[in-house]
């Protein structure tokens, strides 16, 4: 799931000229949202042996590029795709997509808060 913020390029240029950093602010929102989504995925995964739940990506799973920040929520278990999507003989038990979809507003709220804080800090207001 990708979230695009309209006008972000313009905001990035303006803040960069003022000495602020939009990607740092968005990175904080992505990090928070990623951790919440991981917790949601762990709470929603079907548990038999516990291997799938334990394989859900943990830690600092955020990738910074020159013009984007990406949060990673996934699993290393080879059979996770079958749980998520189902098979001909087994019904789907999705846990990743519901966690990601449920946290779109979490990201938007935290991104707004972090950007406002960065703007205030850059403008000398905090």
PDB file of N, CA and C in Angstrom:
ATOM      1  N   UNK A   1       0.849  -1.167   0.000  1.00  0.00           N
ATOM      2  CA  UNK A   1       0.000   0.000   0.000  1.00  0.00           C
ATOM      3  C   UNK A   1       0.896   1.232   0.000  1.00  0.00           C
ATOM      4  N   UNK A   2       0.659   2.110  -0.911  1.00  0.00           N
ATOM      5  CA  UNK A   2       1.442   3.347  -0.979  1.00  0.00           C
ATOM      6  C   UNK A   2       0.531   4.520  -0.644  1.00  0.00           C
ATOM      7  N   UNK A   3       1.068   5.446   0.108  1.00  0.00           N
ATOM      8  CA  UNK A   3       0.342   6.661   0.434  1.00  0.00           C
ATOM      9  C   UNK A   3       1.121   7.814  -0.170  1.00  0.00           C
ATOM     10  N   UNK A   4       0.456   8.609  -0.980  1.00  0.00           N
ATOM     11  CA  UNK A   4       1.108   9.746  -1.612  1.00  0.00           C
ATOM     12  C   UNK A   4       0.509  11.023  -1.051  1.00  0.00           C
ATOM     13  N   UNK A   5       1.355  11.968  -0.711  1.00  0.00           N
ATOM     14  CA  UNK A   5       0.911  13.243  -0.177  1.00  0.00           C
ATOM     15  C   UNK A   5       1.028  14.280  -1.283  1.00  0.00           C
ATOM     16  N   UNK A   6      -0.110  14.862  -1.688  1.00  0.00           N
ATOM     17  CA  UNK A   6      -0.108  15.864  -2.748  1.00  0.00           C
ATOM     18  C   UNK A   6       0.598  17.124  -2.262  1.00  0.00           C
ATOM     19  N   UNK A   7       1.413  17.692  -3.126  1.00  0.00           N
ATOM     20  CA  UNK A   7       2.142  18.910  -2.789  1.00  0.00           C
ATOM     21  C   UNK A   7       3.387  18.661  -1.964  1.00  0.00           C
ATOM     22  N   UNK A   8       3.756  17.397  -1.797  1.00  0.00           N
ATOM     23  CA  UNK A   8       4.911  17.066  -0.961  1.00  0.00           C
ATOM     24  C   UNK A   8       6.208  17.603  -1.547  1.00  0.00           C
ATOM     25  N   UNK A   9       6.357  17.517  -2.864  1.00  0.00           N
ATOM     26  CA  UNK A   9       7.589  18.028  -3.483  1.00  0.00           C
ATOM     27  C   UNK A   9       7.783  19.505  -3.175  1.00  0.00           C
ATOM     28  N   UNK A  10       6.727  20.285  -3.319  1.00  0.00           N
ATOM     29  CA  UNK A  10       6.804  21.718  -3.032  1.00  0.00           C
ATOM     30  C   UNK A  10       7.148  21.963  -1.570  1.00  0.00           C
ATOM     31  N   UNK A  11       6.483  21.227  -0.676  1.00  0.00           N
ATOM     32  CA  UNK A  11       6.747  21.371   0.755  1.00  0.00           C
ATOM     33  C   UNK A  11       8.189  20.991   1.081  1.00  0.00           C
ATOM     34  N   UNK A  12       8.675  19.915   0.464  1.00  0.00           N
ATOM     35  CA  UNK A  12      10.057  19.483   0.709  1.00  0.00           C
ATOM     36  C   UNK A  12      11.048  20.575   0.311  1.00  0.00           C
ATOM     37  N   UNK A  13      10.838  21.183  -0.863  1.00  0.00           N
ATOM     38  CA  UNK A  13      11.744  22.233  -1.316  1.00  0.00           C
ATOM     39  C   UNK A  13      11.710  23.442  -0.384  1.00  0.00           C
ATOM     40  N   UNK A  14      10.512  23.829   0.035  1.00  0.00           N
ATOM     41  CA  UNK A  14      10.388  24.992   0.925  1.00  0.00           C
ATOM     42  C   UNK A  14      11.057  24.729   2.273  1.00  0.00           C
ATOM     43  N   UNK A  15      10.795  23.566   2.850  1.00  0.00           N
ATOM     44  CA  UNK A  15      11.403  23.250   4.148  1.00  0.00           C
ATOM     45  C   UNK A  15      12.912  23.081   4.029  1.00  0.00           C
ATOM     46  N   UNK A  16      13.362  22.473   2.941  1.00  0.00           N
ATOM     47  CA  UNK A  16      14.808  22.315   2.737  1.00  0.00           C
ATOM     48  C   UNK A  16      15.497  23.674   2.672  1.00  0.00           C
ATOM     49  N   UNK A  17      14.863  24.629   1.992  1.00  0.00           N
ATOM     50  CA  UNK A  17      15.435  25.973   1.906  1.00  0.00           C
ATOM     51  C   UNK A  17      15.492  26.638   3.276  1.00  0.00           C
ATOM     52  N   UNK A  18      14.550  26.264   4.157  1.00  0.00           N
ATOM     53  CA  UNK A  18      14.508  26.849   5.500  1.00  0.00           C
ATOM     54  C   UNK A  18      15.359  26.067   6.492  1.00  0.00           C
ATOM     55  N   UNK A  19      15.934  24.958   6.052  1.00  0.00           N
ATOM     56  CA  UNK A  19      16.784  24.167   6.936  1.00  0.00           C
ATOM     57  C   UNK A  19      16.073  23.000   7.610  1.00  0.00           C
ATOM     58  N   UNK A  20      14.851  22.705   7.198  1.00  0.00           N
ATOM     59  CA  UNK A  20      14.108  21.573   7.770  1.00  0.00           C
ATOM     60  C   UNK A  20      14.235  20.346   6.890  1.00  0.00           C
ATOM     61  N   UNK A  21      13.672  19.241   7.333  1.00  0.00           N
ATOM     62  CA  UNK A  21      13.759  18.023   6.553  1.00  0.00           C
ATOM     63  C   UNK A  21      12.431  17.282   6.607  1.00  0.00           C
ATOM     64  N   UNK A  22      11.717  17.274   5.485  1.00  0.00           N
ATOM     65  CA  UNK A  22      10.415  16.631   5.393  1.00  0.00           C
ATOM     66  C   UNK A  22      10.543  15.122   5.569  1.00  0.00           C
ATOM     67  N   UNK A  23      11.566  14.524   4.964  1.00  0.00           N
ATOM     68  CA  UNK A  23      11.705  13.066   5.044  1.00  0.00           C
ATOM     69  C   UNK A  23      11.941  12.592   6.473  1.00  0.00           C
ATOM     70  N   UNK A  24      12.659  13.383   7.268  1.00  0.00           N
ATOM     71  CA  UNK A  24      12.824  13.009   8.679  1.00  0.00           C
ATOM     72  C   UNK A  24      11.485  13.002   9.388  1.00  0.00           C
ATOM     73  N   UNK A  25      10.678  14.040   9.130  1.00  0.00           N
ATOM     74  CA  UNK A  25       9.359  14.128   9.760  1.00  0.00           C
ATOM     75  C   UNK A  25       8.462  12.979   9.308  1.00  0.00           C
ATOM     76  N   UNK A  26       8.432  12.724   8.006  1.00  0.00           N
ATOM     77  CA  UNK A  26       7.610  11.623   7.498  1.00  0.00           C
ATOM     78  C   UNK A  26       8.144  10.280   7.968  1.00  0.00           C
ATOM     79  N   UNK A  27       9.460  10.179   8.107  1.00  0.00           N
ATOM     80  CA  UNK A  27      10.060   8.933   8.591  1.00  0.00           C
ATOM     81  C   UNK A  27       9.567   8.568   9.972  1.00  0.00           C
ATOM     82  N   UNK A  28       9.416   9.566  10.837  1.00  0.00           N
ATOM     83  CA  UNK A  28       8.879   9.296  12.178  1.00  0.00           C
ATOM     84  C   UNK A  28       7.461   8.754  12.091  1.00  0.00           C
ATOM     85  N   UNK A  29       6.662   9.328  11.199  1.00  0.00           N
ATOM     86  CA  UNK A  29       5.283   8.844  11.025  1.00  0.00           C
ATOM     87  C   UNK A  29       5.277   7.437  10.448  1.00  0.00           C
ATOM     88  N   UNK A  30       6.156   7.166   9.498  1.00  0.00           N
ATOM     89  CA  UNK A  30       6.243   5.830   8.891  1.00  0.00           C
ATOM     90  C   UNK A  30       6.699   4.812   9.934  1.00  0.00           C
ATOM     91  N   UNK A  31       7.701   5.166  10.730  1.00  0.00           N
ATOM     92  CA  UNK A  31       8.193   4.246  11.770  1.00  0.00           C
ATOM     93  C   UNK A  31       7.081   3.894  12.753  1.00  0.00           C
ATOM     94  N   UNK A  32       6.352   4.902  13.206  1.00  0.00           N
ATOM     95  CA  UNK A  32       5.260   4.650  14.158  1.00  0.00           C
ATOM     96  C   UNK A  32       4.194   3.767  13.520  1.00  0.00           C
ATOM     97  N   UNK A  33       3.775   4.113  12.303  1.00  0.00           N
ATOM     98  CA  UNK A  33       2.722   3.362  11.622  1.00  0.00           C
ATOM     99  C   UNK A  33       3.157   1.929  11.344  1.00  0.00           C
ATOM    100  N   UNK A  34       4.408   1.744  10.980  1.00  0.00           N
ATOM    101  CA  UNK A  34       4.926   0.401  10.719  1.00  0.00           C
ATOM    102  C   UNK A  34       4.850  -0.461  11.976  1.00  0.00           C
ATOM    103  N   UNK A  35       5.234   0.092  13.105  1.00  0.00           N
ATOM    104  CA  UNK A  35       5.173  -0.676  14.359  1.00  0.00           C
ATOM    105  C   UNK A  35       3.735  -1.031  14.733  1.00  0.00           C
ATOM    106  N   UNK A  36       2.806  -0.090  14.528  1.00  0.00           N
ATOM    107  CA  UNK A  36       1.397  -0.365  14.823  1.00  0.00           C
ATOM    108  C   UNK A  36       0.868  -1.447  13.877  1.00  0.00           C
ATOM    109  N   UNK A  37       1.227  -1.359  12.593  1.00  0.00           N
ATOM    110  CA  UNK A  37       0.770  -2.356  11.622  1.00  0.00           C
ATOM    111  C   UNK A  37       1.344  -3.739  11.928  1.00  0.00           C
ATOM    112  N   UNK A  38       2.588  -3.798  12.369  1.00  0.00           N
ATOM    113  CA  UNK A  38       3.185  -5.080  12.761  1.00  0.00           C
ATOM    114  C   UNK A  38       2.413  -5.671  13.936  1.00  0.00           C
ATOM    115  N   UNK A  39       2.086  -4.851  14.924  1.00  0.00           N
ATOM    116  CA  UNK A  39       1.312  -5.328  16.082  1.00  0.00           C
ATOM    117  C   UNK A  39      -0.055  -5.831  15.648  1.00  0.00           C
ATOM    118  N   UNK A  40      -0.703  -5.103  14.732  1.00  0.00           N
ATOM    119  CA  UNK A  40      -2.013  -5.532  14.238  1.00  0.00           C
ATOM    120  C   UNK A  40      -1.908  -6.850  13.479  1.00  0.00           C
ATOM    121  N   UNK A  41      -0.888  -6.989  12.641  1.00  0.00           N
ATOM    122  CA  UNK A  41      -0.700  -8.237  11.893  1.00  0.00           C
ATOM    123  C   UNK A  41      -0.484  -9.405  12.853  1.00  0.00           C
ATOM    124  N   UNK A  42       0.332  -9.188  13.886  1.00  0.00           N
ATOM    125  CA  UNK A  42       0.572 -10.244  14.872  1.00  0.00           C
ATOM    126  C   UNK A  42      -0.706 -10.623  15.613  1.00  0.00           C
ATOM    127  N   UNK A  43      -1.538  -9.638  15.878  1.00  0.00           N
ATOM    128  CA  UNK A  43      -2.791  -9.906  16.585  1.00  0.00           C
ATOM    129  C   UNK A  43      -3.795 -10.654  15.712  1.00  0.00           C
ATOM    130  N   UNK A  44      -3.704 -10.485  14.384  1.00  0.00           N
ATOM    131  CA  UNK A  44      -4.689 -11.074  13.473  1.00  0.00           C
ATOM    132  C   UNK A  44      -4.256 -12.361  12.797  1.00  0.00           C
ATOM    133  N   UNK A  45      -2.988 -12.743  12.939  1.00  0.00           N
ATOM    134  CA  UNK A  45      -2.504 -13.931  12.249  1.00  0.00           C
ATOM    135  C   UNK A  45      -3.036 -15.202  12.920  1.00  0.00           C
ATOM    136  N   UNK A  46      -3.396 -16.175  12.080  1.00  0.00           N
ATOM    137  CA  UNK A  46      -3.816 -17.472  12.604  1.00  0.00           C
ATOM    138  C   UNK A  46      -2.605 -18.157  13.226  1.00  0.00           C
ATOM    139  N   UNK A  47      -2.789 -18.719  14.407  1.00  0.00           N
ATOM    140  CA  UNK A  47      -1.659 -19.333  15.111  1.00  0.00           C
ATOM    141  C   UNK A  47      -1.892 -20.824  15.253  1.00  0.00           C
ATOM    142  N   UNK A  48      -0.929 -21.593  14.740  1.00  0.00           N
ATOM    143  CA  UNK A  48      -0.919 -23.036  14.922  1.00  0.00           C
ATOM    144  C   UNK A  48       0.325 -23.364  15.739  1.00  0.00           C
ATOM    145  N   UNK A  49       1.486 -23.190  15.121  1.00  0.00           N
ATOM    146  CA  UNK A  49       2.744 -23.439  15.839  1.00  0.00           C
ATOM    147  C   UNK A  49       3.353 -22.142  16.369  1.00  0.00           C
ATOM    148  N   UNK A  50       2.909 -21.005  15.833  1.00  0.00           N
ATOM    149  CA  UNK A  50       3.463 -19.715  16.234  1.00  0.00           C
ATOM    150  C   UNK A  50       4.583 -19.234  15.333  1.00  0.00           C
ATOM    151  N   UNK A  51       5.017 -20.088  14.382  1.00  0.00           N
ATOM    152  CA  UNK A  51       6.126 -19.715  13.507  1.00  0.00           C
ATOM    153  C   UNK A  51       5.781 -18.510  12.630  1.00  0.00           C
ATOM    154  N   UNK A  52       4.577 -18.482  12.086  1.00  0.00           N
ATOM    155  CA  UNK A  52       4.173 -17.381  11.215  1.00  0.00           C
ATOM    156  C   UNK A  52       4.132 -16.064  11.994  1.00  0.00           C
ATOM    157  N   UNK A  53       3.574 -16.104  13.171  1.00  0.00           N
ATOM    158  CA  UNK A  53       3.501 -14.890  14.003  1.00  0.00           C
ATOM    159  C   UNK A  53       4.899 -14.383  14.340  1.00  0.00           C
ATOM    160  N   UNK A  54       5.804 -15.288  14.667  1.00  0.00           N
ATOM    161  CA  UNK A  54       7.178 -14.905  15.016  1.00  0.00           C
ATOM    162  C   UNK A  54       7.964 -14.419  13.808  1.00  0.00           C
ATOM    163  N   UNK A  55       7.522 -14.775  12.602  1.00  0.00           N
ATOM    164  CA  UNK A  55       8.265 -14.398  11.399  1.00  0.00           C
ATOM    165  C   UNK A  55       7.888 -13.013  10.879  1.00  0.00           C
ATOM    166  N   UNK A  56       6.879 -12.387  11.465  1.00  0.00           N
ATOM    167  CA  UNK A  56       6.483 -11.049  11.019  1.00  0.00           C
ATOM    168  C   UNK A  56       7.623 -10.084  11.330  1.00  0.00           C
ATOM    169  N   UNK A  57       7.954  -9.262  10.343  1.00  0.00           N
ATOM    170  CA  UNK A  57       9.104  -8.365  10.416  1.00  0.00           C
ATOM    171  C   UNK A  57       9.047  -7.498  11.665  1.00  0.00           C
ATOM    172  N   UNK A  58      10.166  -7.453  12.381  1.00  0.00           N
ATOM    173  CA  UNK A  58      10.282  -6.651  13.602  1.00  0.00           C
ATOM    174  C   UNK A  58      11.411  -5.641  13.446  1.00  0.00           C
ATOM    175  N   UNK A  59      11.467  -4.725  14.363  1.00  0.00           N
ATOM    176  CA  UNK A  59      12.591  -3.795  14.429  1.00  0.00           C
ATOM    177  C   UNK A  59      12.386  -2.570  13.577  1.00  0.00           C
ATOM    178  N   UNK A  60      13.476  -1.976  13.162  1.00  0.00           N
ATOM    179  CA  UNK A  60      13.439  -0.747  12.368  1.00  0.00           C
ATOM    180  C   UNK A  60      13.325  -1.126  10.900  1.00  0.00           C
ATOM    181  N   UNK A  61      12.107  -1.269  10.430  1.00  0.00           N
ATOM    182  CA  UNK A  61      11.857  -1.735   9.076  1.00  0.00           C
ATOM    183  C   UNK A  61      11.417  -0.578   8.192  1.00  0.00           C
ATOM    184  N   UNK A  62      12.251   0.474   8.175  1.00  0.00           N
ATOM    185  CA  UNK A  62      11.964   1.675   7.411  1.00  0.00           C
ATOM    186  C   UNK A  62      13.158   1.962   6.509  1.00  0.00           C
ATOM    187  N   UNK A  63      12.870   2.218   5.232  1.00  0.00           N
ATOM    188  CA  UNK A  63      13.913   2.478   4.247  1.00  0.00           C
ATOM    189  C   UNK A  63      13.794   3.931   3.786  1.00  0.00           C
ATOM    190  N   UNK A  64      14.889   4.683   3.947  1.00  0.00           N
ATOM    191  CA  UNK A  64      14.948   6.079   3.508  1.00  0.00           C
ATOM    192  C   UNK A  64      15.653   6.148   2.164  1.00  0.00           C
ATOM    193  N   UNK A  65      15.024   6.825   1.201  1.00  0.00           N
ATOM    194  CA  UNK A  65      15.640   7.123  -0.082  1.00  0.00           C
ATOM    195  C   UNK A  65      15.748   8.641  -0.202  1.00  0.00           C
ATOM    196  N   UNK A  66      16.267   9.120  -1.299  1.00  0.00           N
ATOM    197  CA  UNK A  66      16.447  10.568  -1.438  1.00  0.00           C
ATOM    198  C   UNK A  66      15.133  11.326  -1.491  1.00  0.00           C
ATOM    199  N   UNK A  67      14.059  10.675  -1.955  1.00  0.00           N
ATOM    200  CA  UNK A  67      12.794  11.386  -2.078  1.00  0.00           C
ATOM    201  C   UNK A  67      11.600  10.610  -1.532  1.00  0.00           C
ATOM    202  N   UNK A  68      11.858   9.580  -0.710  1.00  0.00           N
ATOM    203  CA  UNK A  68      10.752   8.805  -0.152  1.00  0.00           C
ATOM    204  C   UNK A  68      11.179   8.062   1.105  1.00  0.00           C
ATOM    205  N   UNK A  69      10.171   7.670   1.859  1.00  0.00           N
ATOM    206  CA  UNK A  69      10.380   6.839   3.042  1.00  0.00           C
ATOM    207  C   UNK A  69       9.395   5.682   2.920  1.00  0.00           C
ATOM    208  N   UNK A  70       9.882   4.456   3.096  1.00  0.00           N
ATOM    209  CA  UNK A  70       9.042   3.277   2.944  1.00  0.00           C
ATOM    210  C   UNK A  70       9.083   2.445   4.215  1.00  0.00           C
ATOM    211  N   UNK A  71       7.905   2.097   4.722  1.00  0.00           N
ATOM    212  CA  UNK A  71       7.810   1.196   5.863  1.00  0.00           C
ATOM    213  C   UNK A  71       7.557  -0.216   5.361  1.00  0.00           C
ATOM    214  N   UNK A  72       8.200  -1.192   5.974  1.00  0.00           N
ATOM    215  CA  UNK A  72       8.082  -2.580   5.535  1.00  0.00           C
ATOM    216  C   UNK A  72       7.407  -3.406   6.619  1.00  0.00           C
ATOM    217  N   UNK A  73       6.325  -4.049   6.243  1.00  0.00           N
ATOM    218  CA  UNK A  73       5.647  -4.997   7.116  1.00  0.00           C
ATOM    219  C   UNK A  73       5.488  -6.266   6.310  1.00  0.00           C
ATOM    220  N   UNK A  74       6.078  -7.343   6.769  1.00  0.00           N
ATOM    221  CA  UNK A  74       6.019  -8.588   6.023  1.00  0.00           C
ATOM    222  C   UNK A  74       6.396  -9.760   6.899  1.00  0.00           C
ATOM    223  N   UNK A  75       6.677 -10.867   6.254  1.00  0.00           N
ATOM    224  CA  UNK A  75       7.025 -12.085   6.958  1.00  0.00           C
ATOM    225  C   UNK A  75       8.021 -12.878   6.139  1.00  0.00           C
ATOM    226  N   UNK A  76       8.832 -13.641   6.816  1.00  0.00           N
ATOM    227  CA  UNK A  76       9.804 -14.485   6.123  1.00  0.00           C
ATOM    228  C   UNK A  76       9.320 -15.931   5.991  1.00  0.00           C
ATOM    229  N   UNK A  77       8.147 -16.230   6.514  1.00  0.00           N
ATOM    230  CA  UNK A  77       7.624 -17.599   6.439  1.00  0.00           C
ATOM    231  C   UNK A  77       7.189 -17.907   5.003  1.00  0.00           C
ATOM    232  N   UNK A  78       7.680 -19.015   4.465  1.00  0.00           N
ATOM    233  CA  UNK A  78       7.397 -19.368   3.081  1.00  0.00           C
ATOM    234  C   UNK A  78       5.907 -19.578   2.820  1.00  0.00           C
ATOM    235  N   UNK A  79       5.140 -19.954   3.816  1.00  0.00           N
ATOM    236  CA  UNK A  79       3.725 -20.269   3.617  1.00  0.00           C
ATOM    237  C   UNK A  79       2.807 -19.094   3.949  1.00  0.00           C
ATOM    238  N   UNK A  80       3.356 -17.946   4.247  1.00  0.00           N
ATOM    239  CA  UNK A  80       2.538 -16.780   4.601  1.00  0.00           C
ATOM    240  C   UNK A  80       1.586 -16.395   3.474  1.00  0.00           C
ATOM    241  N   UNK A  81       2.037 -16.482   2.240  1.00  0.00           N
ATOM    242  CA  UNK A  81       1.195 -16.121   1.100  1.00  0.00           C
ATOM    243  C   UNK A  81      -0.055 -16.990   1.036  1.00  0.00           C
ATOM    244  N   UNK A  82       0.076 -18.259   1.425  1.00  0.00           N
ATOM    245  CA  UNK A  82      -1.075 -19.166   1.398  1.00  0.00           C
ATOM    246  C   UNK A  82      -2.081 -18.807   2.481  1.00  0.00           C
ATOM    247  N   UNK A  83      -1.580 -18.382   3.634  1.00  0.00           N
ATOM    248  CA  UNK A  83      -2.467 -17.910   4.704  1.00  0.00           C
ATOM    249  C   UNK A  83      -3.173 -16.629   4.266  1.00  0.00           C
ATOM    250  N   UNK A  84      -2.407 -15.722   3.707  1.00  0.00           N
ATOM    251  CA  UNK A  84      -2.930 -14.413   3.325  1.00  0.00           C
ATOM    252  C   UNK A  84      -3.947 -14.505   2.185  1.00  0.00           C
ATOM    253  N   UNK A  85      -3.609 -15.294   1.156  1.00  0.00           N
ATOM    254  CA  UNK A  85      -4.432 -15.337  -0.051  1.00  0.00           C
ATOM    255  C   UNK A  85      -5.308 -16.583  -0.172  1.00  0.00           C
ATOM    256  N   UNK A  86      -5.000 -17.622   0.580  1.00  0.00           N
ATOM    257  CA  UNK A  86      -5.735 -18.875   0.465  1.00  0.00           C
ATOM    258  C   UNK A  86      -5.209 -19.726  -0.681  1.00  0.00           C
ATOM    259  N   UNK A  87      -5.740 -20.922  -0.794  1.00  0.00           N
ATOM    260  CA  UNK A  87      -5.390 -21.844  -1.885  1.00  0.00           C
ATOM    261  C   UNK A  87      -6.685 -22.453  -2.394  1.00  0.00           C
ATOM    262  N   UNK A  88      -6.565 -23.346  -3.348  1.00  0.00           N
ATOM    263  CA  UNK A  88      -7.750 -24.031  -3.865  1.00  0.00           C
ATOM    264  C   UNK A  88      -8.445 -24.799  -2.743  1.00  0.00           C
ATOM    265  N   UNK A  89      -7.671 -25.373  -1.824  1.00  0.00           N
ATOM    266  CA  UNK A  89      -8.243 -26.209  -0.756  1.00  0.00           C
ATOM    267  C   UNK A  89      -8.371 -25.506   0.582  1.00  0.00           C
ATOM    268  N   UNK A  90      -7.784 -24.311   0.699  1.00  0.00           N
ATOM    269  CA  UNK A  90      -7.789 -23.643   2.007  1.00  0.00           C
ATOM    270  C   UNK A  90      -8.274 -22.197   1.847  1.00  0.00           C
ATOM    271  N   UNK A  91      -9.181 -21.801   2.709  1.00  0.00           N
ATOM    272  CA  UNK A  91      -9.684 -20.424   2.682  1.00  0.00           C
ATOM    273  C   UNK A  91      -8.585 -19.460   3.131  1.00  0.00           C
ATOM    274  N   UNK A  92      -8.657 -18.245   2.643  1.00  0.00           N
ATOM    275  CA  UNK A  92      -7.698 -17.213   3.037  1.00  0.00           C
ATOM    276  C   UNK A  92      -7.948 -16.777   4.480  1.00  0.00           C
ATOM    277  N   UNK A  93      -6.862 -16.477   5.172  1.00  0.00           N
ATOM    278  CA  UNK A  93      -6.901 -15.907   6.522  1.00  0.00           C
ATOM    279  C   UNK A  93      -5.966 -14.695   6.527  1.00  0.00           C
ATOM    280  N   UNK A  94      -6.391 -13.624   5.847  1.00  0.00           N
ATOM    281  CA  UNK A  94      -5.500 -12.470   5.700  1.00  0.00           C
ATOM    282  C   UNK A  94      -5.164 -11.813   7.035  1.00  0.00           C
ATOM    283  N   UNK A  95      -3.928 -11.392   7.162  1.00  0.00           N
ATOM    284  CA  UNK A  95      -3.480 -10.703   8.366  1.00  0.00           C
ATOM    285  C   UNK A  95      -2.605  -9.492   8.036  1.00  0.00           C
ATOM    286  N   UNK A  96      -1.940  -9.500   6.875  1.00  0.00           N
ATOM    287  CA  UNK A  96      -1.087  -8.377   6.501  1.00  0.00           C
ATOM    288  C   UNK A  96      -1.881  -7.224   5.876  1.00  0.00           C
ATOM    289  N   UNK A  97      -2.651  -7.499   4.847  1.00  0.00           N
ATOM    290  CA  UNK A  97      -3.400  -6.418   4.195  1.00  0.00           C
ATOM    291  C   UNK A  97      -4.399  -5.753   5.145  1.00  0.00           C
ATOM    292  N   UNK A  98      -5.110  -6.508   5.979  1.00  0.00           N
ATOM    293  CA  UNK A  98      -5.998  -5.825   6.927  1.00  0.00           C
ATOM    294  C   UNK A  98      -5.228  -4.901   7.879  1.00  0.00           C
ATOM    295  N   UNK A  99      -4.042  -5.316   8.291  1.00  0.00           N
ATOM    296  CA  UNK A  99      -3.233  -4.479   9.189  1.00  0.00           C
ATOM    297  C   UNK A  99      -2.789  -3.205   8.473  1.00  0.00           C
ATOM    298  N   UNK A 100      -2.405  -3.330   7.216  1.00  0.00           N
ATOM    299  CA  UNK A 100      -1.982  -2.154   6.459  1.00  0.00           C
ATOM    300  C   UNK A 100      -3.153  -1.225   6.180  1.00  0.00           C
ATOM    301  N   UNK A 101      -4.259  -1.784   5.740  1.00  0.00           N
ATOM    302  CA  UNK A 101      -5.433  -0.961   5.434  1.00  0.00           C
ATOM    303  C   UNK A 101      -5.976  -0.255   6.670  1.00  0.00           C
ATOM    304  N   UNK A 102      -5.925  -0.913   7.803  1.00  0.00           N
ATOM    305  CA  UNK A 102      -6.450  -0.330   9.039  1.00  0.00           C
ATOM    306  C   UNK A 102      -5.610   0.841   9.530  1.00  0.00           C
ATOM    307  N   UNK A 103      -4.388   0.947   9.057  1.00  0.00           N
ATOM    308  CA  UNK A 103      -3.486   1.967   9.587  1.00  0.00           C
ATOM    309  C   UNK A 103      -3.194   3.111   8.629  1.00  0.00           C
ATOM    310  N   UNK A 104      -3.949   3.220   7.554  1.00  0.00           N
ATOM    311  CA  UNK A 104      -3.774   4.352   6.644  1.00  0.00           C
ATOM    312  C   UNK A 104      -4.043   5.668   7.386  1.00  0.00           C
ATOM    313  N   UNK A 105      -5.103   5.719   8.156  1.00  0.00           N
ATOM    314  CA  UNK A 105      -5.416   6.949   8.893  1.00  0.00           C
ATOM    315  C   UNK A 105      -4.398   7.199  10.010  1.00  0.00           C
ATOM    316  N   UNK A 106      -3.829   6.137  10.564  1.00  0.00           N
ATOM    317  CA  UNK A 106      -2.782   6.292  11.580  1.00  0.00           C
ATOM    318  C   UNK A 106      -1.606   7.041  10.971  1.00  0.00           C
ATOM    319  N   UNK A 107      -1.214   6.643   9.757  1.00  0.00           N
ATOM    320  CA  UNK A 107      -0.116   7.329   9.087  1.00  0.00           C
ATOM    321  C   UNK A 107      -0.469   8.783   8.811  1.00  0.00           C
ATOM    322  N   UNK A 108      -1.657   9.012   8.275  1.00  0.00           N
ATOM    323  CA  UNK A 108      -2.053  10.375   7.930  1.00  0.00           C
ATOM    324  C   UNK A 108      -2.033  11.286   9.153  1.00  0.00           C
ATOM    325  N   UNK A 109      -2.536  10.806  10.279  1.00  0.00           N
ATOM    326  CA  UNK A 109      -2.553  11.610  11.512  1.00  0.00           C
ATOM    327  C   UNK A 109      -1.138  11.905  11.989  1.00  0.00           C
ATOM    328  N   UNK A 110      -0.287  10.903  12.001  1.00  0.00           N
ATOM    329  CA  UNK A 110       1.082  11.103  12.487  1.00  0.00           C
ATOM    330  C   UNK A 110       1.902  11.935  11.502  1.00  0.00           C
ATOM    331  N   UNK A 111       1.671  11.764  10.213  1.00  0.00           N
ATOM    332  CA  UNK A 111       2.388  12.573   9.225  1.00  0.00           C
ATOM    333  C   UNK A 111       2.028  14.041   9.393  1.00  0.00           C
ATOM    334  N   UNK A 112       0.751  14.319   9.561  1.00  0.00           N
ATOM    335  CA  UNK A 112       0.314  15.700   9.762  1.00  0.00           C
ATOM    336  C   UNK A 112       0.975  16.295  11.006  1.00  0.00           C
ATOM    337  N   UNK A 113       0.958  15.545  12.104  1.00  0.00           N
ATOM    338  CA  UNK A 113       1.540  16.023  13.362  1.00  0.00           C
ATOM    339  C   UNK A 113       3.042  16.268  13.216  1.00  0.00           C
ATOM    340  N   UNK A 114       3.756  15.328  12.608  1.00  0.00           N
ATOM    341  CA  UNK A 114       5.203  15.455  12.460  1.00  0.00           C
ATOM    342  C   UNK A 114       5.575  16.594  11.503  1.00  0.00           C
ATOM    343  N   UNK A 115       4.795  16.772  10.439  1.00  0.00           N
ATOM    344  CA  UNK A 115       5.068  17.868   9.516  1.00  0.00           C
ATOM    345  C   UNK A 115       4.812  19.218  10.177  1.00  0.00           C
ATOM    346  N   UNK A 116       3.722  19.316  10.947  1.00  0.00           N
ATOM    347  CA  UNK A 116       3.443  20.564  11.670  1.00  0.00           C
ATOM    348  C   UNK A 116       4.569  20.883  12.647  1.00  0.00           C
ATOM    349  N   UNK A 117       5.046  19.878  13.352  1.00  0.00           N
ATOM    350  CA  UNK A 117       6.156  20.071  14.300  1.00  0.00           C
ATOM    351  C   UNK A 117       7.418  20.528  13.565  1.00  0.00           C
ATOM    352  N   UNK A 118       7.713  19.904  12.422  1.00  0.00           N
ATOM    353  CA  UNK A 118       8.904  20.275  11.645  1.00  0.00           C
ATOM    354  C   UNK A 118       8.797  21.702  11.126  1.00  0.00           C
ATOM    355  N   UNK A 119       7.619  22.086  10.680  1.00  0.00           N
ATOM    356  CA  UNK A 119       7.413  23.449  10.159  1.00  0.00           C
ATOM    357  C   UNK A 119       7.596  24.456  11.293  1.00  0.00           C
ATOM    358  N   UNK A 120       7.010  24.188  12.439  1.00  0.00           N
ATOM    359  CA  UNK A 120       7.142  25.103  13.584  1.00  0.00           C
ATOM    360  C   UNK A 120       8.600  25.210  14.010  1.00  0.00           C
ATOM    361  N   UNK A 121       9.277  24.080  14.085  1.00  0.00           N
ATOM    362  CA  UNK A 121      10.689  24.076  14.495  1.00  0.00           C
ATOM    363  C   UNK A 121      11.540  24.858  13.497  1.00  0.00           C
ATOM    364  N   UNK A 122      11.286  24.642  12.209  1.00  0.00           N
ATOM    365  CA  UNK A 122      12.043  25.317  11.166  1.00  0.00           C
ATOM    366  C   UNK A 122      11.773  26.818  11.152  1.00  0.00           C
ATOM    367  N   UNK A 123      10.521  27.185  11.434  1.00  0.00           N
ATOM    368  CA  UNK A 123      10.146  28.602  11.439  1.00  0.00           C
ATOM    369  C   UNK A 123      10.536  29.300  12.743  1.00  0.00           C
ATOM    370  N   UNK A 124      11.113  28.534  13.675  1.00  0.00           N
ATOM    371  CA  UNK A 124      11.546  29.119  14.942  1.00  0.00           C
ATOM    372  C   UNK A 124      10.476  29.172  16.000  1.00  0.00           C
ATOM    373  N   UNK A 125       9.402  28.399  15.803  1.00  0.00           N
ATOM    374  CA  UNK A 125       8.310  28.418  16.763  1.00  0.00           C
ATOM    375  C   UNK A 125       8.300  27.268  17.727  1.00  0.00           C
ATOM    376  N   UNK A 126       9.363  26.492  17.833  1.00  0.00           N
ATOM    377  CA  UNK A 126       9.317  25.387  18.779  1.00  0.00           C
ATOM    378  C   UNK A 126      10.515  24.615  18.834  1.00  0.00           C
TER     379      UNK A 126
END
